[in-house]
Protein backbone atom coordinates (compact mmCIF):
# COMPACT_ATOMS: atom_id res chain seq x y z
CA UNK A 1 6.66 -16.59 16.25
CA UNK A 2 5.22 -16.39 19.80
CA UNK A 3 6.76 -15.50 22.96
CA UNK A 4 6.75 -17.52 25.82
CA UNK A 5 5.88 -16.05 29.08
CA UNK A 6 5.34 -17.10 32.67
CA UNK A 7 2.09 -17.02 34.22
CA UNK A 8 3.48 -14.79 37.05
CA UNK A 9 4.42 -12.11 34.50
CA UNK A 10 1.15 -11.75 32.87
CA UNK A 11 -1.47 -8.85 33.29
CA UNK A 12 -4.04 -10.55 30.95
CA UNK A 13 -4.39 -13.75 29.18
CA UNK A 14 -7.03 -14.89 26.71
CA UNK A 15 -7.53 -18.58 26.42
CA UNK A 16 -9.34 -20.19 23.31
CA UNK A 17 -11.61 -17.22 23.17
CA UNK A 18 -14.33 -17.43 20.69
CA UNK A 19 -17.25 -15.22 19.64
CA UNK A 20 -20.10 -16.14 17.00
CA UNK A 21 -23.29 -14.09 15.81
CA UNK A 22 -25.49 -16.70 14.67
CA UNK A 23 -23.43 -18.53 11.95
CA UNK A 24 -20.98 -15.81 11.75
CA UNK A 25 -17.71 -16.37 13.57
CA UNK A 26 -16.01 -13.11 14.69
CA UNK A 27 -13.21 -14.35 16.82
CA UNK A 28 -11.71 -18.02 16.39
CA UNK A 29 -9.70 -19.67 19.19
CA UNK A 30 -7.93 -16.24 20.36
CA UNK A 31 -5.00 -17.13 22.60
CA UNK A 32 -2.82 -14.07 23.79
CA UNK A 33 -0.62 -13.28 26.83
CA UNK A 34 -0.08 -9.65 27.89
CA UNK A 35 2.99 -9.23 30.41
CA UNK A 36 2.93 -6.61 33.10
CA UNK A 37 4.15 -3.15 32.57
CA UNK A 38 4.43 -2.89 28.90
CA UNK A 39 2.65 -1.31 25.86
CA UNK A 40 1.08 -3.84 23.76
CA UNK A 41 -0.16 -3.24 20.33
CA UNK A 42 -3.16 -5.16 18.88
CA UNK A 43 -3.08 -4.73 14.97
CA UNK A 44 -5.41 -5.39 12.16
CA UNK A 45 -7.42 -4.28 9.41
CA UNK A 46 -10.92 -2.76 10.33
CA UNK A 47 -13.24 -5.56 10.83
CA UNK A 48 -10.27 -7.93 12.04
CA UNK A 49 -11.94 -8.51 15.77
CA UNK A 50 -9.88 -5.89 17.79
CA UNK A 51 -12.87 -4.08 19.06
CA UNK A 52 -14.80 -7.52 19.95
CA UNK A 53 -11.82 -8.78 21.77
CA UNK A 54 -11.38 -5.48 23.86
CA UNK A 55 -15.25 -5.51 24.52
CA UNK A 56 -15.03 -9.09 26.01
CA UNK A 57 -12.01 -8.27 28.22
CA UNK A 58 -14.00 -5.39 29.55
CA UNK A 59 -17.12 -7.42 30.17
CA UNK A 60 -19.31 -5.37 27.45
CA UNK A 61 -19.74 -8.46 25.65
CA UNK A 62 -19.78 -12.36 26.61
CA UNK A 63 -17.66 -14.70 24.64
CA UNK A 64 -19.25 -17.78 22.98
CA UNK A 65 -16.57 -19.85 24.78
CA UNK A 66 -13.16 -19.30 26.38
CA UNK A 67 -11.57 -17.62 29.44
CA UNK A 68 -10.19 -14.23 30.40
CA UNK A 69 -7.48 -14.72 32.95
CA UNK A 70 -6.45 -11.33 34.67
CA UNK A 71 -3.71 -10.99 37.08
CA UNK A 72 -3.57 -14.88 37.41
CA UNK A 73 -7.16 -15.63 37.82
CA UNK A 74 -10.15 -15.98 35.73
CA UNK A 75 -11.74 -12.35 35.52
CA UNK A 76 -14.71 -11.65 37.90
CA UNK A 77 -15.98 -8.44 36.46
CA UNK A 78 -17.82 -7.15 39.73
CA UNK A 79 -14.74 -7.58 41.75
CA UNK A 80 -11.92 -6.57 39.07
CA UNK A 81 -13.48 -4.20 36.56
CA UNK A 82 -12.07 -1.19 38.66
CA UNK A 83 -8.47 -2.52 37.80
CA UNK A 84 -9.33 -2.15 34.15
CA UNK A 85 -9.60 1.07 32.24
CA UNK A 86 -11.16 1.51 28.96
CA UNK A 87 -11.43 4.02 26.27
CA UNK A 88 -13.95 3.01 23.37
CA UNK A 89 -13.09 4.10 19.72
CA UNK A 90 -15.63 6.76 19.98
CA UNK A 91 -16.05 8.07 23.59
CA UNK A 92 -19.13 10.30 24.42
CA UNK A 93 -18.94 13.18 26.90
CA UNK A 94 -21.63 15.55 28.43
CA UNK A 95 -20.49 18.56 25.95
CA UNK A 96 -22.14 21.22 27.94
CA UNK A 97 -19.90 20.35 31.13
CA UNK A 98 -16.67 22.10 31.76
CA UNK A 99 -13.65 19.74 31.93
CA UNK A 100 -13.08 19.95 35.65
CA UNK A 101 -16.69 19.33 36.23
CA UNK A 102 -17.00 16.32 33.91
CA UNK A 103 -13.63 14.98 35.51
CA UNK A 104 -15.05 15.58 39.16
CA UNK A 105 -18.32 13.80 37.96
CA UNK A 106 -16.52 10.72 36.87
CA UNK A 107 -14.63 10.50 40.15
CA UNK A 108 -18.00 10.78 41.97
CA UNK A 109 -19.34 7.77 40.20
CA UNK A 110 -16.14 5.59 41.08
CA UNK A 111 -15.58 3.75 44.28
CA UNK A 112 -13.82 6.04 46.72
CA UNK A 113 -11.42 3.04 47.68
CA UNK A 114 -10.27 2.61 44.11
CA UNK A 115 -9.45 6.27 43.68
CA UNK A 116 -5.69 7.07 43.40
CA UNK A 117 -5.58 10.17 41.26
CA UNK A 118 -7.20 13.54 42.17
CA UNK A 119 -8.86 15.74 39.51
CA UNK A 120 -5.73 17.90 39.15
CA UNK A 121 -3.36 14.81 38.82
CA UNK A 122 -5.56 13.31 36.29
CA UNK A 123 -5.65 16.41 34.43
CA UNK A 124 -1.78 16.92 34.62
CA UNK A 125 -1.05 13.31 33.35
CA UNK A 126 -3.20 14.01 30.15
CA UNK A 127 -2.08 17.58 29.59
CA UNK A 128 -5.34 19.34 30.16
CA UNK A 129 -4.76 21.28 33.39
CA UNK A 130 -4.74 24.43 31.61
CA UNK A 131 -8.03 23.66 29.94
CA UNK A 132 -9.90 22.59 33.25
CA UNK A 133 -12.18 25.52 32.70
CA UNK A 134 -12.99 24.85 29.06
CA UNK A 135 -16.37 23.57 28.01
CA UNK A 136 -16.15 20.08 26.58
CA UNK A 137 -17.87 21.24 23.46
CA UNK A 138 -14.90 23.60 22.49
CA UNK A 139 -12.17 20.95 22.75
CA UNK A 140 -10.33 19.70 19.81
CA UNK A 141 -10.23 16.14 18.81
CA UNK A 142 -6.85 15.27 20.53
CA UNK A 143 -8.01 17.11 23.83
CA UNK A 144 -11.09 14.95 23.77
CA UNK A 145 -9.12 11.65 23.37
CA UNK A 146 -6.98 12.77 26.30
CA UNK A 147 -9.85 13.38 28.38
CA UNK A 148 -11.20 10.28 27.56
CA UNK A 149 -7.89 8.82 28.84
CA UNK A 150 -8.21 10.62 31.87
CA UNK A 151 -11.64 8.92 32.56
CA UNK A 152 -10.17 5.57 31.84
CA UNK A 153 -7.14 5.88 34.33
CA UNK A 154 -9.09 7.62 37.10
CA UNK A 155 -8.72 4.43 39.28
CA UNK A 156 -5.20 3.97 38.46
CA UNK A 157 -5.88 0.60 36.65
CA UNK A 158 -3.60 -2.18 36.20
CA UNK A 159 -4.58 -2.60 32.94
CA UNK A 160 -5.56 0.20 30.33
CA UNK A 161 -7.53 -0.64 27.19
CA UNK A 162 -7.56 1.92 24.45
CA UNK A 163 -9.67 1.16 21.14
CA UNK A 164 -8.04 3.24 18.13
CA UNK A 165 -6.95 5.98 20.33
CA UNK A 166 -5.36 7.94 17.43
CA UNK A 167 -7.18 7.13 14.29
CA UNK A 168 -9.07 10.27 13.92
CA UNK A 169 -6.20 12.64 14.99
CA UNK A 170 -4.09 14.79 13.13
CA UNK A 171 -0.01 14.43 13.67
CA UNK A 172 0.15 16.51 16.71
CA UNK A 173 -2.67 15.19 18.31
CA UNK A 174 -1.38 11.47 17.55
CA UNK A 175 2.08 12.61 19.03
CA UNK A 176 0.43 13.96 22.12
CA UNK A 177 -1.65 10.66 22.85
CA UNK A 178 1.51 8.43 22.30
CA UNK A 179 3.22 10.54 24.67
CA UNK A 180 0.67 9.97 27.30
CA UNK A 181 0.58 6.34 26.66
CA UNK A 182 4.47 6.30 27.33
CA UNK A 183 3.82 8.05 30.69
CA UNK A 184 1.19 5.37 31.63
CA UNK A 185 3.73 2.73 31.04
CA UNK A 186 6.18 4.64 33.26
CA UNK A 187 3.34 4.88 36.07
CA UNK A 188 3.26 1.14 36.07
CA UNK A 189 0.23 0.49 34.07
CA UNK A 190 -0.15 -2.15 31.30
CA UNK A 191 -1.56 -0.75 28.10
CA UNK A 192 -3.05 -2.55 25.45
CA UNK A 193 -4.30 -0.59 22.44
CA UNK A 194 -5.68 -1.35 18.95
CA UNK A 195 -4.89 0.54 15.93
CA UNK A 196 -4.52 0.41 12.19
CA UNK A 197 -1.95 2.91 12.22
CA UNK A 198 1.48 0.74 12.29
CA UNK A 199 3.70 3.73 12.69
CA UNK A 200 2.22 4.43 16.11
CA UNK A 201 2.93 0.73 17.14
CA UNK A 202 6.49 0.66 15.60
CA UNK A 203 7.32 3.88 17.66
CA UNK A 204 6.16 2.87 21.14
CA UNK A 205 5.02 -0.92 21.59
CA UNK A 206 7.01 -3.45 23.33
CA UNK A 207 4.94 -6.35 21.98
CA UNK A 208 2.59 -6.66 19.29
CA UNK A 209 -0.40 -9.00 17.94
CA UNK A 210 -1.68 -9.26 14.40
CA UNK A 211 -5.20 -10.20 14.01
CA UNK A 212 -6.79 -10.89 10.75
CA UNK A 213 -10.41 -12.29 10.26
CA UNK A 214 -10.69 -12.98 13.84
CA UNK A 215 -7.51 -15.01 14.08
CA UNK A 216 -4.30 -14.43 15.47
CA UNK A 217 -1.32 -14.46 12.97
CA UNK A 218 1.42 -13.62 15.22
CA UNK A 219 2.38 -12.63 18.78
CA UNK A 220 5.86 -11.27 19.31
CA UNK A 221 8.12 -8.34 19.97
CA UNK A 222 8.72 -5.53 17.53
CA UNK A 223 12.57 -6.38 17.66
CA UNK A 224 12.10 -10.12 16.95
CA UNK A 225 9.57 -9.47 14.20
CA UNK A 226 12.01 -7.22 12.44
CA UNK A 227 14.83 -9.58 12.94
CA UNK A 228 12.79 -12.47 11.52
CA UNK A 229 12.08 -10.25 8.21
CA UNK A 230 15.53 -8.86 8.03
CA UNK A 231 16.19 -5.12 7.89
CA UNK A 232 16.07 -4.46 4.09
CA UNK A 233 14.01 -5.82 1.29
CA UNK A 234 14.11 -5.31 -2.62
CA UNK A 235 11.59 -3.78 -4.91
CA UNK A 236 11.81 -5.26 -8.28
CA UNK A 237 9.83 -3.72 -11.12
CA UNK A 238 9.66 -6.11 -14.37
CA UNK A 239 8.83 -5.39 -17.97
CA UNK A 240 6.09 -7.90 -17.84
CA UNK A 241 4.42 -10.57 -15.76
CA UNK A 242 6.90 -12.99 -14.07
CA UNK A 243 6.26 -15.61 -11.31
CA UNK A 244 9.23 -16.18 -8.77
CA UNK A 245 9.21 -19.60 -7.58
CA UNK A 246 11.83 -22.41 -6.79
CA UNK A 247 14.05 -19.68 -5.97
CA UNK A 248 17.48 -19.62 -4.12
CA UNK A 249 17.79 -20.19 -0.47
CA UNK A 250 18.82 -16.70 0.20
CA UNK A 251 15.40 -15.52 -0.77
CA UNK A 252 13.09 -15.81 2.18
CA UNK A 253 9.84 -14.48 0.96
CA UNK A 254 8.28 -12.99 -2.19
CA UNK A 255 5.15 -10.90 -2.62
CA UNK A 256 4.15 -10.22 -5.94
CA UNK A 257 1.44 -8.00 -7.45
CA UNK A 258 1.40 -8.08 -11.06
CA UNK A 259 5.03 -6.73 -12.71
CA UNK A 260 6.17 -5.54 -9.05
CA UNK A 261 7.74 -8.05 -6.73
CA UNK A 262 8.85 -7.35 -2.96
CA UNK A 263 11.73 -9.69 -2.20
CA UNK A 264 12.94 -10.53 1.43
CA UNK A 265 16.30 -11.93 1.74
CA UNK A 266 18.12 -13.37 4.63
CA UNK A 267 21.67 -12.87 6.00
CA UNK A 268 23.21 -15.58 3.57
CA UNK A 269 22.90 -13.02 0.74
CA UNK A 270 26.38 -11.53 0.93
CA UNK A 271 26.34 -9.75 -2.41
CA UNK A 272 23.32 -8.20 -4.38
CA UNK A 273 24.81 -9.12 -7.46
CA UNK A 274 23.83 -12.87 -6.74
CA UNK A 275 20.07 -11.64 -6.34
CA UNK A 276 20.28 -9.61 -9.56
CA UNK A 277 21.79 -12.56 -11.43
CA UNK A 278 18.99 -14.77 -10.23
CA UNK A 279 16.40 -11.94 -11.49
CA UNK A 280 18.09 -11.77 -14.83
CA UNK A 281 17.72 -15.50 -15.27
CA UNK A 282 13.91 -15.37 -15.18
CA UNK A 283 14.23 -13.97 -18.49
CA UNK A 284 11.83 -10.81 -18.01
CA UNK A 285 13.18 -7.14 -18.54
CA UNK A 286 14.11 -5.48 -15.24
CA UNK A 287 12.80 -1.91 -15.21
CA UNK A 288 13.96 -1.02 -11.67
CA UNK A 289 15.83 -2.67 -8.64
CA UNK A 290 15.61 -0.68 -5.43
CA UNK A 291 16.88 -1.72 -1.87
CA UNK A 292 14.54 -0.48 0.97
CA UNK A 293 14.58 -0.47 4.60
CA UNK A 294 11.64 -2.64 5.93
CA UNK A 295 8.79 -1.00 8.15
CA UNK A 296 6.30 -2.43 10.47
CA UNK A 297 3.47 -1.80 7.52
CA UNK A 298 5.62 -3.90 5.08
CA UNK A 299 5.79 -6.93 7.68
CA UNK A 300 2.26 -6.33 8.34
CA UNK A 301 1.10 -7.06 4.75
CA UNK A 302 3.50 -9.64 4.10
CA UNK A 303 2.04 -11.59 7.13
CA UNK A 304 -1.70 -10.71 6.25
CA UNK A 305 -1.36 -12.00 2.65
CA UNK A 306 0.56 -15.25 4.07
CA UNK A 307 -2.74 -16.11 5.77
CA UNK A 308 -3.79 -17.40 9.26
CA UNK A 309 -1.55 -20.52 8.90
CA UNK A 310 1.61 -18.07 8.94
CA UNK A 311 3.12 -18.45 12.29
CA UNK A 312 6.45 -16.55 11.30
């Protein structure tokens, strides 16, 4: 399932992007369209190619082939890099400096023409105004990430790229960063962030792309993805190994792991007894039969197990 978007609606487009290191291919024909003014989740397991893709967009790495189109034209990093903000997965700071000193320092390194936010405005956006006199080495993990976001947006960029911004944070720190990301969208920025924490994506993203082993498996909206996979699924535990195949049309997908099966049905299933009757016909004892509400994590692993050919 891929959403069709007009070129004039796009902040960023990746066209046939490839990256190899010797004989090792890290990215394989990446095509991606990111609309203007949205929160876009880029999800995948560790090593899927998320950071490599982001580094290419930011100009930190060169693709082996392909194009990066930014706001309608091929990206020229000398001219347009000030319109892209970037927070790496592990940002580094001068820990001996105070928060306000560090932000002033970053602003001084930036083009005056491009500066929109003052130091106080930046610190207010990321909730660090009360911590402006603190030394950076005394900040919590969540506060450090918020400081990193302040640095990334100091030029009021059109596109903000955040690499795993919540992966090392506690629940409170994650909530704070997610609220800041929502605020950036409200200010008109397009936010593109990678993560393997699917609950974060489910809570705030308009669009998502799932990448696996350097290939894009799907690009769509959260709503359309959930509609495709229904609202509920059934977890069935059998009393022995059983292979579910040649199943009725009301069963859309089956994921099996030994004696446990996750069964996804569609709207044609009007009565659960029809499903249960079919399962009894497999002549394997049923230990449990439970209806569950589907989550993005369930969908993610269903797509991953389906392989790169799965286009929803």
